[in-house]
Amino acid sequence: MINNHNQHLLFMNTMMPSMTAQSSQQQQQQQQQENQYDRSSINSQQCLADKIQAVRHLWESENQYS
């Protein structure tokens, strides 16, 4: 599977270099966009987790003395 893929890439690079350059650039842009979404998603999830932990800590500290 990997060998066939590498042969295909080799063929693409030798036969159609301008197309492969364009497609690899598009792939890089797409990966960067996906990484941005992943990072913002992770950041918002982490922020939410921090808020939940803070509220839980506050609730526990207030109810500890009741």
N, C-alpha and C. Protein backbone atom coordinates (compact mmCIF):
# COMPACT_ATOMS: atom_id res chain seq x y z
N MET A 1 0.84 -1.20 0.00
CA MET A 1 0.00 0.00 0.00
C MET A 1 0.88 1.26 0.00
N ILE A 2 1.85 1.30 0.91
CA ILE A 2 2.72 2.47 1.00
C ILE A 2 3.59 2.57 -0.25
N ASN A 3 4.10 1.42 -0.72
CA ASN A 3 4.92 1.43 -1.93
C ASN A 3 4.15 1.97 -3.12
N ASN A 4 2.92 1.52 -3.30
CA ASN A 4 2.09 2.01 -4.40
C ASN A 4 1.87 3.51 -4.27
N HIS A 5 1.64 3.94 -3.06
CA HIS A 5 1.43 5.36 -2.82
C HIS A 5 2.68 6.16 -3.17
N ASN A 6 3.84 5.66 -2.75
CA ASN A 6 5.09 6.34 -3.06
C ASN A 6 5.36 6.37 -4.55
N GLN A 7 5.07 5.26 -5.24
CA GLN A 7 5.25 5.22 -6.69
C GLN A 7 4.33 6.23 -7.36
N HIS A 8 3.11 6.31 -6.85
CA HIS A 8 2.16 7.27 -7.40
C HIS A 8 2.67 8.70 -7.20
N LEU A 9 3.17 8.98 -6.01
CA LEU A 9 3.71 10.32 -5.74
C LEU A 9 4.90 10.62 -6.64
N LEU A 10 5.76 9.62 -6.83
CA LEU A 10 6.92 9.80 -7.69
C LEU A 10 6.47 10.11 -9.11
N PHE A 11 5.49 9.36 -9.59
CA PHE A 11 4.94 9.60 -10.92
C PHE A 11 4.37 11.01 -11.01
N MET A 12 3.60 11.40 -10.00
CA MET A 12 2.97 12.73 -10.00
C MET A 12 4.04 13.82 -10.00
N ASN A 13 5.08 13.63 -9.20
CA ASN A 13 6.13 14.64 -9.11
C ASN A 13 6.92 14.78 -10.40
N THR A 14 7.14 13.67 -11.10
CA THR A 14 7.93 13.74 -12.33
C THR A 14 7.08 14.16 -13.52
N MET A 15 5.85 13.68 -13.58
CA MET A 15 5.02 13.94 -14.76
C MET A 15 4.26 15.27 -14.67
N MET A 16 3.82 15.60 -13.46
CA MET A 16 3.00 16.81 -13.32
C MET A 16 3.45 17.63 -12.12
N PRO A 17 4.64 18.21 -12.18
CA PRO A 17 5.17 18.91 -11.00
C PRO A 17 4.33 20.12 -10.58
N SER A 18 3.78 20.85 -11.54
CA SER A 18 3.02 22.05 -11.17
C SER A 18 1.74 21.67 -10.44
N MET A 19 1.11 20.60 -10.86
CA MET A 19 -0.13 20.17 -10.20
C MET A 19 0.15 19.67 -8.79
N THR A 20 1.22 18.91 -8.62
CA THR A 20 1.52 18.39 -7.28
C THR A 20 1.93 19.51 -6.34
N ALA A 21 2.63 20.49 -6.85
CA ALA A 21 3.02 21.62 -6.00
C ALA A 21 1.78 22.35 -5.52
N GLN A 22 0.83 22.51 -6.42
CA GLN A 22 -0.41 23.20 -6.05
C GLN A 22 -1.20 22.37 -5.05
N SER A 23 -1.32 21.07 -5.30
CA SER A 23 -2.12 20.24 -4.41
C SER A 23 -1.47 20.11 -3.04
N SER A 24 -0.13 20.03 -2.98
CA SER A 24 0.52 19.93 -1.68
C SER A 24 0.38 21.24 -0.92
N GLN A 25 0.39 22.35 -1.64
CA GLN A 25 0.17 23.65 -0.99
C GLN A 25 -1.25 23.72 -0.43
N GLN A 26 -2.22 23.22 -1.20
CA GLN A 26 -3.60 23.20 -0.72
C GLN A 26 -3.73 22.29 0.50
N GLN A 27 -3.03 21.16 0.48
CA GLN A 27 -3.07 20.26 1.62
C GLN A 27 -2.49 20.92 2.86
N GLN A 28 -1.39 21.66 2.69
CA GLN A 28 -0.79 22.36 3.83
C GLN A 28 -1.75 23.40 4.38
N GLN A 29 -2.40 24.16 3.49
CA GLN A 29 -3.35 25.17 3.94
C GLN A 29 -4.51 24.50 4.67
N GLN A 30 -4.98 23.38 4.13
CA GLN A 30 -6.09 22.68 4.76
C GLN A 30 -5.68 22.16 6.14
N GLN A 31 -4.47 21.62 6.25
CA GLN A 31 -3.99 21.14 7.54
C GLN A 31 -3.87 22.28 8.54
N GLN A 32 -3.38 23.43 8.08
CA GLN A 32 -3.25 24.58 8.98
C GLN A 32 -4.62 25.02 9.48
N GLN A 33 -5.62 25.04 8.57
CA GLN A 33 -6.97 25.41 8.98
C GLN A 33 -7.52 24.41 9.99
N GLU A 34 -7.33 23.12 9.73
CA GLU A 34 -7.82 22.10 10.65
C GLU A 34 -7.13 22.23 12.00
N ASN A 35 -5.82 22.50 12.00
CA ASN A 35 -5.09 22.67 13.25
C ASN A 35 -5.61 23.87 14.03
N GLN A 36 -5.95 24.96 13.32
CA GLN A 36 -6.51 26.13 14.00
C GLN A 36 -7.82 25.77 14.68
N TYR A 37 -8.68 25.02 13.97
CA TYR A 37 -9.95 24.63 14.56
C TYR A 37 -9.72 23.71 15.77
N ASP A 38 -8.79 22.78 15.62
CA ASP A 38 -8.48 21.87 16.72
C ASP A 38 -8.00 22.65 17.94
N ARG A 39 -7.10 23.62 17.70
CA ARG A 39 -6.54 24.39 18.81
C ARG A 39 -7.62 25.22 19.49
N SER A 40 -8.48 25.88 18.71
CA SER A 40 -9.51 26.71 19.33
C SER A 40 -10.52 25.83 20.07
N SER A 41 -10.80 24.66 19.53
CA SER A 41 -11.70 23.72 20.19
C SER A 41 -11.10 23.25 21.51
N ILE A 42 -9.82 22.90 21.47
CA ILE A 42 -9.13 22.45 22.68
C ILE A 42 -9.08 23.57 23.71
N ASN A 43 -8.78 24.80 23.25
CA ASN A 43 -8.72 25.94 24.17
C ASN A 43 -10.07 26.19 24.81
N SER A 44 -11.16 26.14 24.04
CA SER A 44 -12.48 26.41 24.62
C SER A 44 -12.88 25.29 25.56
N GLN A 45 -12.53 24.05 25.23
CA GLN A 45 -12.83 22.93 26.13
C GLN A 45 -12.04 23.07 27.43
N GLN A 46 -10.78 23.48 27.33
CA GLN A 46 -9.95 23.65 28.52
C GLN A 46 -10.50 24.78 29.38
N CYS A 47 -10.93 25.86 28.73
CA CYS A 47 -11.50 27.00 29.45
C CYS A 47 -12.76 26.57 30.19
N LEU A 48 -13.61 25.80 29.51
CA LEU A 48 -14.84 25.30 30.14
C LEU A 48 -14.51 24.39 31.32
N ALA A 49 -13.54 23.53 31.15
CA ALA A 49 -13.13 22.62 32.23
C ALA A 49 -12.61 23.41 33.43
N ASP A 50 -11.84 24.46 33.17
CA ASP A 50 -11.32 25.30 34.25
C ASP A 50 -12.46 25.98 35.00
N LYS A 51 -13.46 26.47 34.27
CA LYS A 51 -14.61 27.13 34.92
C LYS A 51 -15.39 26.14 35.78
N ILE A 52 -15.62 24.95 35.24
CA ILE A 52 -16.34 23.92 36.00
C ILE A 52 -15.58 23.58 37.28
N GLN A 53 -14.28 23.44 37.17
CA GLN A 53 -13.45 23.11 38.33
C GLN A 53 -13.52 24.23 39.37
N ALA A 54 -13.49 25.48 38.91
CA ALA A 54 -13.54 26.62 39.83
C ALA A 54 -14.89 26.67 40.55
N VAL A 55 -15.98 26.45 39.81
CA VAL A 55 -17.31 26.47 40.42
C VAL A 55 -17.46 25.31 41.40
N ARG A 56 -16.96 24.14 41.02
CA ARG A 56 -17.04 22.98 41.92
C ARG A 56 -16.26 23.25 43.20
N HIS A 57 -15.08 23.84 43.07
CA HIS A 57 -14.25 24.15 44.24
C HIS A 57 -14.97 25.16 45.14
N LEU A 58 -15.57 26.18 44.53
CA LEU A 58 -16.30 27.19 45.29
C LEU A 58 -17.49 26.56 46.00
N TRP A 59 -18.25 25.72 45.29
CA TRP A 59 -19.42 25.07 45.86
C TRP A 59 -19.02 24.18 47.04
N GLU A 60 -17.93 23.41 46.85
CA GLU A 60 -17.47 22.52 47.92
C GLU A 60 -16.99 23.30 49.14
N SER A 61 -16.30 24.41 48.90
CA SER A 61 -15.79 25.19 50.03
C SER A 61 -16.93 25.88 50.78
N GLU A 62 -17.99 26.29 50.08
CA GLU A 62 -19.13 26.93 50.76
C GLU A 62 -19.97 25.91 51.51
N ASN A 63 -20.09 24.71 50.98
CA ASN A 63 -20.95 23.70 51.60
C ASN A 63 -20.21 22.85 52.64
N GLN A 64 -18.93 23.05 52.75
CA GLN A 64 -18.13 22.29 53.71
C GLN A 64 -18.50 22.67 55.14
N TYR A 65 -18.86 23.93 55.35
CA TYR A 65 -19.11 24.44 56.70
C TYR A 65 -20.58 24.45 57.06
N SER A 66 -21.45 23.97 56.18
CA SER A 66 -22.90 24.00 56.45
C SER A 66 -23.29 22.90 57.41
